[in-house]
């Protein structure tokens, strides 16, 4: 299971809003997530704007596309050792 290194909680595929599923995670973990998504042939893009609120860790947003299956993507994240 992929864990958010800043919160200690599992990474979650979010479906809030109208842009389609996305994952918000610490930027320091972006390469790990890319390896997982690439190894499963999942199309994604990383937002250019990486933000840090109140001096906290930099956070990235990874869009998975409107047609992405959020449940299947969550299962992939949950299966990572």
C-alpha atoms as a PDB file:
ATOM      1  CA  UNK A   1       0.000   0.000   0.000  1.00  0.00           C
ATOM      2  CA  UNK A   2       1.434   3.379  -0.939  1.00  0.00           C
ATOM      3  CA  UNK A   3       1.589   5.624   2.120  1.00  0.00           C
ATOM      4  CA  UNK A   4       1.664   9.436   2.123  1.00  0.00           C
ATOM      5  CA  UNK A   5       5.000  10.107   3.795  1.00  0.00           C
ATOM      6  CA  UNK A   6       3.778  13.342   5.414  1.00  0.00           C
ATOM      7  CA  UNK A   7       0.504  12.065   6.842  1.00  0.00           C
ATOM      8  CA  UNK A   8       1.272   8.402   7.378  1.00  0.00           C
ATOM      9  CA  UNK A   9      -2.010   7.519   5.661  1.00  0.00           C
ATOM     10  CA  UNK A  10      -2.623   5.528   2.480  1.00  0.00           C
ATOM     11  CA  UNK A  11      -2.561   7.481  -0.781  1.00  0.00           C
ATOM     12  CA  UNK A  12      -6.088   7.879  -2.108  1.00  0.00           C
ATOM     13  CA  UNK A  13      -7.467   8.385  -5.583  1.00  0.00           C
ATOM     14  CA  UNK A  14      -9.798  11.364  -5.274  1.00  0.00           C
ATOM     15  CA  UNK A  15     -12.885  11.869  -7.413  1.00  0.00           C
ATOM     16  CA  UNK A  16     -13.869  15.290  -6.050  1.00  0.00           C
ATOM     17  CA  UNK A  17     -14.639  17.939  -8.645  1.00  0.00           C
ATOM     18  CA  UNK A  18     -15.217  17.574 -12.364  1.00  0.00           C
ATOM     19  CA  UNK A  19     -11.707  16.958 -13.713  1.00  0.00           C
ATOM     20  CA  UNK A  20     -11.701  13.222 -13.127  1.00  0.00           C
ATOM     21  CA  UNK A  21      -9.715  11.123 -10.675  1.00  0.00           C
ATOM     22  CA  UNK A  22      -6.493  12.521  -9.272  1.00  0.00           C
ATOM     23  CA  UNK A  23      -3.902  11.789  -6.608  1.00  0.00           C
ATOM     24  CA  UNK A  24      -2.447  14.428  -4.297  1.00  0.00           C
ATOM     25  CA  UNK A  25       0.866  13.442  -2.716  1.00  0.00           C
ATOM     26  CA  UNK A  26       4.164  14.801  -1.412  1.00  0.00           C
ATOM     27  CA  UNK A  27       6.354  15.810  -4.337  1.00  0.00           C
ATOM     28  CA  UNK A  28       9.155  13.735  -2.809  1.00  0.00           C
ATOM     29  CA  UNK A  29       7.112  10.618  -3.686  1.00  0.00           C
ATOM     30  CA  UNK A  30       6.326  11.526  -7.281  1.00  0.00           C
ATOM     31  CA  UNK A  31       8.947   9.220  -8.809  1.00  0.00           C
ATOM     32  CA  UNK A  32       7.642   6.245  -6.825  1.00  0.00           C
ATOM     33  CA  UNK A  33       4.120   6.933  -8.053  1.00  0.00           C
ATOM     34  CA  UNK A  34       5.345   7.355 -11.644  1.00  0.00           C
ATOM     35  CA  UNK A  35       7.019   3.938 -11.510  1.00  0.00           C
ATOM     36  CA  UNK A  36       3.787   2.323 -10.305  1.00  0.00           C
ATOM     37  CA  UNK A  37       1.590   4.050 -12.877  1.00  0.00           C
ATOM     38  CA  UNK A  38       4.060   3.457 -15.727  1.00  0.00           C
ATOM     39  CA  UNK A  39       4.393  -0.224 -14.846  1.00  0.00           C
ATOM     40  CA  UNK A  40       0.608  -0.587 -15.210  1.00  0.00           C
ATOM     41  CA  UNK A  41       0.409   1.413 -18.443  1.00  0.00           C
ATOM     42  CA  UNK A  42      -1.704   4.138 -16.820  1.00  0.00           C
ATOM     43  CA  UNK A  43      -1.919   7.498 -18.576  1.00  0.00           C
ATOM     44  CA  UNK A  44      -1.409  10.474 -16.249  1.00  0.00           C
ATOM     45  CA  UNK A  45       0.052  13.936 -16.053  1.00  0.00           C
ATOM     46  CA  UNK A  46       1.599  15.859 -13.193  1.00  0.00           C
ATOM     47  CA  UNK A  47       0.406  19.426 -12.642  1.00  0.00           C
ATOM     48  CA  UNK A  48       3.115  21.997 -13.209  1.00  0.00           C
ATOM     49  CA  UNK A  49       2.226  23.883 -10.036  1.00  0.00           C
ATOM     50  CA  UNK A  50       3.791  22.200  -7.014  1.00  0.00           C
ATOM     51  CA  UNK A  51       2.687  23.973  -3.841  1.00  0.00           C
ATOM     52  CA  UNK A  52       3.791  24.267  -0.239  1.00  0.00           C
ATOM     53  CA  UNK A  53       1.361  25.689   2.297  1.00  0.00           C
ATOM     54  CA  UNK A  54       2.682  27.447   5.389  1.00  0.00           C
ATOM     55  CA  UNK A  55       6.196  26.127   4.841  1.00  0.00           C
ATOM     56  CA  UNK A  56       5.001  22.518   4.712  1.00  0.00           C
ATOM     57  CA  UNK A  57       6.145  19.869   2.249  1.00  0.00           C
ATOM     58  CA  UNK A  58       5.699  20.445  -1.460  1.00  0.00           C
ATOM     59  CA  UNK A  59       2.545  18.742  -2.746  1.00  0.00           C
ATOM     60  CA  UNK A  60       1.958  17.521  -6.299  1.00  0.00           C
ATOM     61  CA  UNK A  61      -1.307  16.681  -8.042  1.00  0.00           C
ATOM     62  CA  UNK A  62      -1.399  13.865 -10.584  1.00  0.00           C
ATOM     63  CA  UNK A  63      -4.394  13.834 -12.933  1.00  0.00           C
ATOM     64  CA  UNK A  64      -5.508  10.456 -14.195  1.00  0.00           C
ATOM     65  CA  UNK A  65      -8.009  11.549 -16.851  1.00  0.00           C
ATOM     66  CA  UNK A  66     -11.793  11.746 -16.935  1.00  0.00           C
ATOM     67  CA  UNK A  67     -12.211   8.181 -18.179  1.00  0.00           C
ATOM     68  CA  UNK A  68      -9.923   6.613 -15.584  1.00  0.00           C
ATOM     69  CA  UNK A  69     -11.434   3.980 -13.302  1.00  0.00           C
ATOM     70  CA  UNK A  70     -10.836   5.385  -9.807  1.00  0.00           C
ATOM     71  CA  UNK A  71     -11.610   2.070  -8.091  1.00  0.00           C
ATOM     72  CA  UNK A  72      -9.173   0.125 -10.272  1.00  0.00           C
ATOM     73  CA  UNK A  73      -6.497   2.773  -9.710  1.00  0.00           C
ATOM     74  CA  UNK A  74      -7.064   2.663  -5.952  1.00  0.00           C
ATOM     75  CA  UNK A  75      -6.694  -1.118  -6.039  1.00  0.00           C
ATOM     76  CA  UNK A  76      -3.328  -0.696  -7.766  1.00  0.00           C
ATOM     77  CA  UNK A  77      -2.121   1.758  -5.104  1.00  0.00           C
ATOM     78  CA  UNK A  78      -3.366  -0.569  -2.371  1.00  0.00           C
ATOM     79  CA  UNK A  79      -1.482  -3.531  -3.889  1.00  0.00           C
ATOM     80  CA  UNK A  80       1.943  -1.846  -3.775  1.00  0.00           C
ATOM     81  CA  UNK A  81       4.118  -3.593  -1.180  1.00  0.00           C
END
